[in-house]
Amino acid sequence: MSNGDKATEYVLTPEDIVWHQTELGPKFWLSNELVDDDYSSLFSAQLTKFGPGGGSSPHSHTYNHAFYFLSGRCKVQIEDDVWEVEAGSFVKVPASKQHSVINDGTEDLVFLVIYDPPNVDDRQ
C-alpha cells in the first residue's frame, strides 16, 4: 500500500484483509471488523467468506444486519422465504428474523456484513 500509514487507515486492499476461521466450521471465515466504533457509532461492518458447501444454519439476532455479496452465489433464507443470490445483490435481515446463508456454488462466497447497531457481540 502506498501513501504511508494514512492509506492503510482509510483504504484496505484485498491483501490487507485478515481472515479468521470460526468455530462454525472449516468453510466459514470472518475478517477483522472493517468499520468499528473508532470510526462510527451508527454501524459496524466486516467480511464473511464461505467456501463451497459452507454456510450458516438458521439463526436469528436481536439486531438488524445487511449483506452485500461481492463474489460467488448462494441461497439466502429469511423465515420461510428462500432466494438464489449472486454477486452484486444486497439483502436486508431484520432483527429477530430466522435466517441462513448457504454457498451452493463452486467458488468462495464473499460478502460484506453491516451491523446495526454496531459491535453488538463478539463476532471475531
N, C-alpha and C. Protein backbone atom coordinates (compact mmCIF):
# COMPACT_ATOMS: atom_id res chain seq x y z
N MET A 1 0.85 -1.17 0.00
CA MET A 1 0.00 0.00 0.00
C MET A 1 0.89 1.22 0.00
N SER A 2 0.59 2.20 -0.84
CA SER A 2 1.39 3.41 -0.93
C SER A 2 0.80 4.53 -0.07
N ASN A 3 1.40 5.70 -0.12
CA ASN A 3 0.95 6.89 0.62
C ASN A 3 1.10 6.75 2.13
N GLY A 4 2.00 5.92 2.58
CA GLY A 4 2.30 5.85 4.01
C GLY A 4 1.18 5.24 4.83
N ASP A 5 1.22 5.52 6.13
CA ASP A 5 0.28 4.93 7.07
C ASP A 5 -1.16 5.38 6.85
N LYS A 6 -1.40 6.58 6.36
CA LYS A 6 -2.77 7.08 6.15
C LYS A 6 -3.53 6.19 5.18
N ALA A 7 -2.84 5.65 4.17
CA ALA A 7 -3.52 4.81 3.18
C ALA A 7 -4.14 3.60 3.83
N THR A 8 -3.43 2.92 4.72
CA THR A 8 -4.00 1.74 5.35
C THR A 8 -5.04 2.10 6.41
N GLU A 9 -5.02 3.33 6.87
CA GLU A 9 -6.05 3.78 7.80
C GLU A 9 -7.38 3.97 7.08
N TYR A 10 -7.32 4.40 5.82
CA TYR A 10 -8.53 4.73 5.07
C TYR A 10 -8.88 3.75 3.97
N VAL A 11 -7.90 3.06 3.43
CA VAL A 11 -8.11 2.17 2.28
C VAL A 11 -7.56 0.79 2.61
N LEU A 12 -8.40 -0.21 2.44
CA LEU A 12 -7.97 -1.59 2.60
C LEU A 12 -8.00 -2.27 1.25
N THR A 13 -6.92 -2.89 0.86
CA THR A 13 -6.88 -3.68 -0.36
C THR A 13 -7.17 -5.13 0.00
N PRO A 14 -7.45 -5.99 -0.97
CA PRO A 14 -7.68 -7.41 -0.64
C PRO A 14 -6.52 -8.03 0.15
N GLU A 15 -5.31 -7.58 -0.10
CA GLU A 15 -4.15 -8.11 0.62
C GLU A 15 -4.13 -7.69 2.08
N ASP A 16 -4.83 -6.61 2.42
CA ASP A 16 -4.89 -6.12 3.80
C ASP A 16 -5.89 -6.87 4.66
N ILE A 17 -6.81 -7.60 4.05
CA ILE A 17 -7.86 -8.28 4.80
C ILE A 17 -7.27 -9.46 5.57
N VAL A 18 -7.55 -9.52 6.86
CA VAL A 18 -7.11 -10.62 7.71
C VAL A 18 -8.32 -11.51 7.97
N TRP A 19 -8.23 -12.78 7.57
CA TRP A 19 -9.33 -13.75 7.73
C TRP A 19 -9.09 -14.62 8.95
N HIS A 20 -10.17 -14.91 9.69
CA HIS A 20 -10.12 -15.79 10.86
C HIS A 20 -11.11 -16.92 10.67
N GLN A 21 -10.65 -18.15 10.79
CA GLN A 21 -11.57 -19.28 10.74
C GLN A 21 -12.39 -19.27 12.02
N THR A 22 -13.67 -19.63 11.91
CA THR A 22 -14.55 -19.60 13.08
C THR A 22 -14.76 -21.00 13.62
N GLU A 23 -15.39 -21.06 14.76
CA GLU A 23 -15.76 -22.36 15.36
C GLU A 23 -16.95 -22.98 14.63
N LEU A 24 -17.50 -22.27 13.65
CA LEU A 24 -18.67 -22.75 12.92
C LEU A 24 -18.31 -23.67 11.76
N GLY A 25 -17.04 -24.01 11.61
CA GLY A 25 -16.66 -24.98 10.60
C GLY A 25 -15.52 -24.52 9.72
N PRO A 26 -14.92 -25.46 8.98
CA PRO A 26 -13.74 -25.16 8.17
C PRO A 26 -14.04 -24.33 6.93
N LYS A 27 -15.29 -24.09 6.61
CA LYS A 27 -15.63 -23.32 5.42
C LYS A 27 -16.27 -21.99 5.78
N PHE A 28 -16.04 -21.49 7.01
CA PHE A 28 -16.66 -20.25 7.49
C PHE A 28 -15.56 -19.36 8.07
N TRP A 29 -15.28 -18.23 7.41
CA TRP A 29 -14.26 -17.29 7.86
C TRP A 29 -14.87 -15.90 8.04
N LEU A 30 -14.32 -15.14 9.00
CA LEU A 30 -14.69 -13.74 9.21
C LEU A 30 -13.44 -12.88 9.13
N SER A 31 -13.60 -11.66 8.64
CA SER A 31 -12.49 -10.72 8.65
C SER A 31 -12.48 -9.96 9.97
N ASN A 32 -11.40 -9.24 10.21
CA ASN A 32 -11.44 -8.24 11.27
C ASN A 32 -12.55 -7.26 10.92
N GLU A 33 -13.04 -6.53 11.90
CA GLU A 33 -14.05 -5.51 11.58
C GLU A 33 -13.43 -4.46 10.68
N LEU A 34 -14.14 -4.10 9.62
CA LEU A 34 -13.68 -3.08 8.68
C LEU A 34 -14.11 -1.70 9.13
N VAL A 35 -15.27 -1.63 9.76
CA VAL A 35 -15.79 -0.39 10.36
C VAL A 35 -16.14 -0.75 11.79
N ASP A 36 -15.55 -0.03 12.73
CA ASP A 36 -15.84 -0.30 14.14
C ASP A 36 -16.10 1.02 14.87
N ASP A 37 -16.17 0.96 16.20
CA ASP A 37 -16.54 2.15 16.96
C ASP A 37 -15.47 3.25 16.96
N ASP A 38 -14.27 2.95 16.44
CA ASP A 38 -13.28 4.01 16.24
C ASP A 38 -13.68 4.92 15.08
N TYR A 39 -14.58 4.43 14.21
CA TYR A 39 -14.99 5.19 13.03
C TYR A 39 -16.43 5.66 13.12
N SER A 40 -17.33 4.80 13.59
CA SER A 40 -18.76 5.12 13.61
C SER A 40 -19.43 4.50 14.82
N SER A 41 -20.37 5.24 15.40
CA SER A 41 -21.20 4.68 16.47
C SER A 41 -22.56 4.25 15.92
N LEU A 42 -22.75 4.35 14.60
CA LEU A 42 -24.03 4.04 13.97
C LEU A 42 -24.10 2.62 13.39
N PHE A 43 -22.96 2.09 12.94
CA PHE A 43 -22.94 0.74 12.37
C PHE A 43 -21.53 0.20 12.45
N SER A 44 -21.38 -1.11 12.24
CA SER A 44 -20.08 -1.74 12.06
C SER A 44 -20.18 -2.67 10.87
N ALA A 45 -19.03 -3.08 10.34
CA ALA A 45 -19.02 -3.92 9.15
C ALA A 45 -17.82 -4.85 9.17
N GLN A 46 -18.00 -6.01 8.57
CA GLN A 46 -16.91 -6.96 8.38
C GLN A 46 -17.25 -7.84 7.21
N LEU A 47 -16.26 -8.58 6.72
CA LEU A 47 -16.47 -9.51 5.61
C LEU A 47 -16.67 -10.91 6.14
N THR A 48 -17.48 -11.68 5.43
CA THR A 48 -17.68 -13.10 5.71
C THR A 48 -17.34 -13.86 4.44
N LYS A 49 -16.73 -15.04 4.61
CA LYS A 49 -16.39 -15.89 3.47
C LYS A 49 -16.78 -17.32 3.79
N PHE A 50 -17.57 -17.93 2.89
CA PHE A 50 -17.93 -19.34 3.00
C PHE A 50 -17.32 -20.06 1.81
N GLY A 51 -16.60 -21.15 2.06
CA GLY A 51 -16.13 -22.00 0.98
C GLY A 51 -17.31 -22.74 0.36
N PRO A 52 -17.11 -23.36 -0.82
CA PRO A 52 -18.18 -24.12 -1.45
C PRO A 52 -18.79 -25.14 -0.48
N GLY A 53 -20.10 -25.13 -0.36
CA GLY A 53 -20.80 -26.01 0.56
C GLY A 53 -20.90 -25.47 1.98
N GLY A 54 -20.20 -24.39 2.27
CA GLY A 54 -20.23 -23.80 3.62
C GLY A 54 -21.43 -22.90 3.80
N GLY A 55 -21.65 -22.51 5.03
CA GLY A 55 -22.77 -21.62 5.29
C GLY A 55 -23.13 -21.59 6.75
N SER A 56 -24.27 -21.01 7.02
CA SER A 56 -24.76 -20.91 8.39
C SER A 56 -26.09 -21.64 8.52
N SER A 57 -26.29 -22.24 9.66
CA SER A 57 -27.59 -22.86 9.92
C SER A 57 -28.58 -21.75 10.29
N PRO A 58 -29.89 -22.03 10.22
CA PRO A 58 -30.87 -21.00 10.57
C PRO A 58 -30.65 -20.47 12.00
N HIS A 59 -30.65 -19.16 12.12
CA HIS A 59 -30.44 -18.50 13.41
C HIS A 59 -31.04 -17.10 13.34
N SER A 60 -31.07 -16.41 14.47
CA SER A 60 -31.57 -15.03 14.49
C SER A 60 -30.72 -14.22 15.45
N HIS A 61 -30.81 -12.89 15.32
CA HIS A 61 -30.08 -11.96 16.17
C HIS A 61 -31.06 -10.89 16.65
N THR A 62 -30.68 -10.18 17.68
CA THR A 62 -31.52 -9.11 18.22
C THR A 62 -31.29 -7.79 17.50
N TYR A 63 -30.44 -7.78 16.48
CA TYR A 63 -30.11 -6.56 15.75
C TYR A 63 -30.33 -6.74 14.25
N ASN A 64 -30.50 -5.63 13.55
CA ASN A 64 -30.59 -5.63 12.09
C ASN A 64 -29.20 -5.85 11.51
N HIS A 65 -29.15 -6.49 10.36
CA HIS A 65 -27.92 -6.50 9.59
C HIS A 65 -28.26 -6.67 8.11
N ALA A 66 -27.26 -6.41 7.28
CA ALA A 66 -27.46 -6.48 5.84
C ALA A 66 -26.24 -7.10 5.21
N PHE A 67 -26.45 -7.75 4.07
CA PHE A 67 -25.37 -8.41 3.33
C PHE A 67 -25.26 -7.80 1.94
N TYR A 68 -24.02 -7.50 1.52
CA TYR A 68 -23.76 -7.14 0.14
C TYR A 68 -22.80 -8.18 -0.41
N PHE A 69 -23.24 -8.93 -1.43
CA PHE A 69 -22.49 -10.06 -1.95
C PHE A 69 -21.48 -9.61 -3.00
N LEU A 70 -20.21 -9.93 -2.75
CA LEU A 70 -19.10 -9.48 -3.59
C LEU A 70 -18.69 -10.53 -4.62
N SER A 71 -18.76 -11.81 -4.26
CA SER A 71 -18.41 -12.88 -5.20
C SER A 71 -19.15 -14.15 -4.82
N GLY A 72 -19.32 -15.02 -5.80
CA GLY A 72 -19.98 -16.30 -5.57
C GLY A 72 -21.48 -16.22 -5.73
N ARG A 73 -22.13 -17.31 -5.33
CA ARG A 73 -23.59 -17.41 -5.36
C ARG A 73 -24.03 -18.23 -4.16
N CYS A 74 -25.30 -18.06 -3.77
CA CYS A 74 -25.76 -18.75 -2.57
C CYS A 74 -27.28 -18.77 -2.52
N LYS A 75 -27.76 -19.48 -1.52
CA LYS A 75 -29.18 -19.44 -1.16
C LYS A 75 -29.28 -18.69 0.16
N VAL A 76 -30.18 -17.71 0.20
CA VAL A 76 -30.45 -16.96 1.42
C VAL A 76 -31.87 -17.29 1.84
N GLN A 77 -32.02 -17.68 3.10
CA GLN A 77 -33.35 -17.94 3.64
C GLN A 77 -33.61 -16.95 4.75
N ILE A 78 -34.78 -16.29 4.70
CA ILE A 78 -35.26 -15.44 5.79
C ILE A 78 -36.67 -15.92 6.10
N GLU A 79 -36.83 -16.43 7.33
CA GLU A 79 -38.08 -17.07 7.73
C GLU A 79 -38.41 -18.19 6.73
N ASP A 80 -39.56 -18.16 6.05
CA ASP A 80 -39.95 -19.23 5.14
C ASP A 80 -39.61 -18.96 3.68
N ASP A 81 -38.99 -17.83 3.39
CA ASP A 81 -38.67 -17.46 2.01
C ASP A 81 -37.21 -17.78 1.70
N VAL A 82 -36.96 -18.26 0.47
CA VAL A 82 -35.60 -18.60 0.03
C VAL A 82 -35.36 -17.92 -1.32
N TRP A 83 -34.16 -17.32 -1.47
CA TRP A 83 -33.77 -16.67 -2.71
C TRP A 83 -32.43 -17.20 -3.17
N GLU A 84 -32.25 -17.32 -4.50
CA GLU A 84 -30.94 -17.56 -5.11
C GLU A 84 -30.30 -16.18 -5.27
N VAL A 85 -29.10 -16.01 -4.75
CA VAL A 85 -28.45 -14.71 -4.72
C VAL A 85 -27.07 -14.83 -5.37
N GLU A 86 -26.66 -13.79 -6.08
CA GLU A 86 -25.34 -13.77 -6.70
C GLU A 86 -24.64 -12.45 -6.39
N ALA A 87 -23.38 -12.36 -6.79
CA ALA A 87 -22.59 -11.15 -6.56
C ALA A 87 -23.33 -9.92 -7.08
N GLY A 88 -23.27 -8.85 -6.30
CA GLY A 88 -23.96 -7.62 -6.64
C GLY A 88 -25.30 -7.47 -5.95
N SER A 89 -25.77 -8.52 -5.29
CA SER A 89 -27.05 -8.48 -4.59
C SER A 89 -26.88 -7.93 -3.18
N PHE A 90 -27.94 -7.27 -2.68
CA PHE A 90 -27.98 -6.71 -1.34
C PHE A 90 -29.18 -7.31 -0.62
N VAL A 91 -28.98 -7.80 0.60
CA VAL A 91 -30.05 -8.46 1.37
C VAL A 91 -30.15 -7.80 2.74
N LYS A 92 -31.37 -7.42 3.13
CA LYS A 92 -31.63 -6.87 4.46
C LYS A 92 -32.20 -7.97 5.35
N VAL A 93 -31.65 -8.10 6.55
CA VAL A 93 -32.12 -9.10 7.52
C VAL A 93 -32.59 -8.35 8.77
N PRO A 94 -33.90 -8.22 8.96
CA PRO A 94 -34.40 -7.52 10.14
C PRO A 94 -34.10 -8.27 11.43
N ALA A 95 -34.00 -7.54 12.50
CA ALA A 95 -33.78 -8.13 13.82
C ALA A 95 -34.82 -9.21 14.10
N SER A 96 -34.37 -10.27 14.74
CA SER A 96 -35.20 -11.38 15.21
C SER A 96 -35.76 -12.27 14.11
N LYS A 97 -35.42 -12.04 12.85
CA LYS A 97 -35.87 -12.92 11.76
C LYS A 97 -34.91 -14.09 11.62
N GLN A 98 -35.44 -15.30 11.59
CA GLN A 98 -34.65 -16.51 11.39
C GLN A 98 -34.09 -16.47 9.97
N HIS A 99 -32.77 -16.70 9.82
CA HIS A 99 -32.15 -16.61 8.50
C HIS A 99 -30.95 -17.55 8.40
N SER A 100 -30.55 -17.83 7.16
CA SER A 100 -29.34 -18.62 6.90
C SER A 100 -28.81 -18.26 5.52
N VAL A 101 -27.53 -18.53 5.31
CA VAL A 101 -26.88 -18.34 4.02
C VAL A 101 -26.09 -19.61 3.74
N ILE A 102 -26.29 -20.20 2.55
CA ILE A 102 -25.58 -21.42 2.16
C ILE A 102 -24.92 -21.19 0.81
N ASN A 103 -23.62 -21.42 0.74
CA ASN A 103 -22.88 -21.32 -0.53
C ASN A 103 -23.18 -22.58 -1.33
N ASP A 104 -24.00 -22.44 -2.37
CA ASP A 104 -24.31 -23.59 -3.22
C ASP A 104 -23.56 -23.51 -4.55
N GLY A 105 -22.54 -22.65 -4.61
CA GLY A 105 -21.73 -22.51 -5.82
C GLY A 105 -20.44 -23.30 -5.72
N THR A 106 -19.56 -23.08 -6.67
CA THR A 106 -18.29 -23.82 -6.74
C THR A 106 -17.09 -22.96 -6.36
N GLU A 107 -17.30 -21.68 -6.04
CA GLU A 107 -16.22 -20.80 -5.62
C GLU A 107 -16.56 -20.20 -4.26
N ASP A 108 -15.57 -19.56 -3.64
CA ASP A 108 -15.83 -18.91 -2.35
C ASP A 108 -16.93 -17.86 -2.50
N LEU A 109 -17.78 -17.79 -1.50
CA LEU A 109 -18.81 -16.76 -1.39
C LEU A 109 -18.25 -15.71 -0.43
N VAL A 110 -18.14 -14.46 -0.88
CA VAL A 110 -17.62 -13.39 -0.03
C VAL A 110 -18.67 -12.29 0.02
N PHE A 111 -19.00 -11.84 1.24
CA PHE A 111 -19.99 -10.78 1.37
C PHE A 111 -19.68 -9.87 2.55
N LEU A 112 -20.03 -8.60 2.36
CA LEU A 112 -19.90 -7.58 3.38
C LEU A 112 -21.12 -7.69 4.29
N VAL A 113 -20.89 -7.67 5.60
CA VAL A 113 -21.98 -7.68 6.58
C VAL A 113 -21.95 -6.34 7.31
N ILE A 114 -23.10 -5.66 7.33
CA ILE A 114 -23.24 -4.38 8.02
C ILE A 114 -24.16 -4.61 9.21
N TYR A 115 -23.68 -4.25 10.40
CA TYR A 115 -24.42 -4.48 11.64
C TYR A 115 -25.01 -3.17 12.15
N ASP A 116 -26.28 -3.21 12.57
CA ASP A 116 -26.97 -2.05 13.11
C ASP A 116 -27.80 -2.50 14.31
N PRO A 117 -27.45 -2.10 15.52
CA PRO A 117 -26.37 -1.21 15.90
C PRO A 117 -25.01 -1.90 15.81
N PRO A 118 -23.92 -1.14 15.94
CA PRO A 118 -22.58 -1.71 15.78
C PRO A 118 -22.12 -2.50 17.00
N ASN A 119 -21.17 -3.38 16.72
CA ASN A 119 -20.42 -4.05 17.79
C ASN A 119 -21.31 -4.62 18.89
N VAL A 120 -22.35 -5.33 18.50
CA VAL A 120 -23.31 -5.81 19.50
C VAL A 120 -22.90 -7.10 20.16
N ASP A 121 -22.00 -7.84 19.55
CA ASP A 121 -21.49 -9.05 20.20
C ASP A 121 -20.11 -9.36 19.67
N ASP A 122 -19.49 -10.38 20.20
CA ASP A 122 -18.14 -10.73 19.78
C ASP A 122 -18.23 -11.54 18.49
N ARG A 123 -17.93 -10.92 17.35
CA ARG A 123 -18.06 -11.58 16.05
C ARG A 123 -16.74 -12.13 15.56
N GLN A 124 -15.65 -11.98 16.28
CA GLN A 124 -14.35 -12.41 15.75
C GLN A 124 -13.87 -13.66 16.41
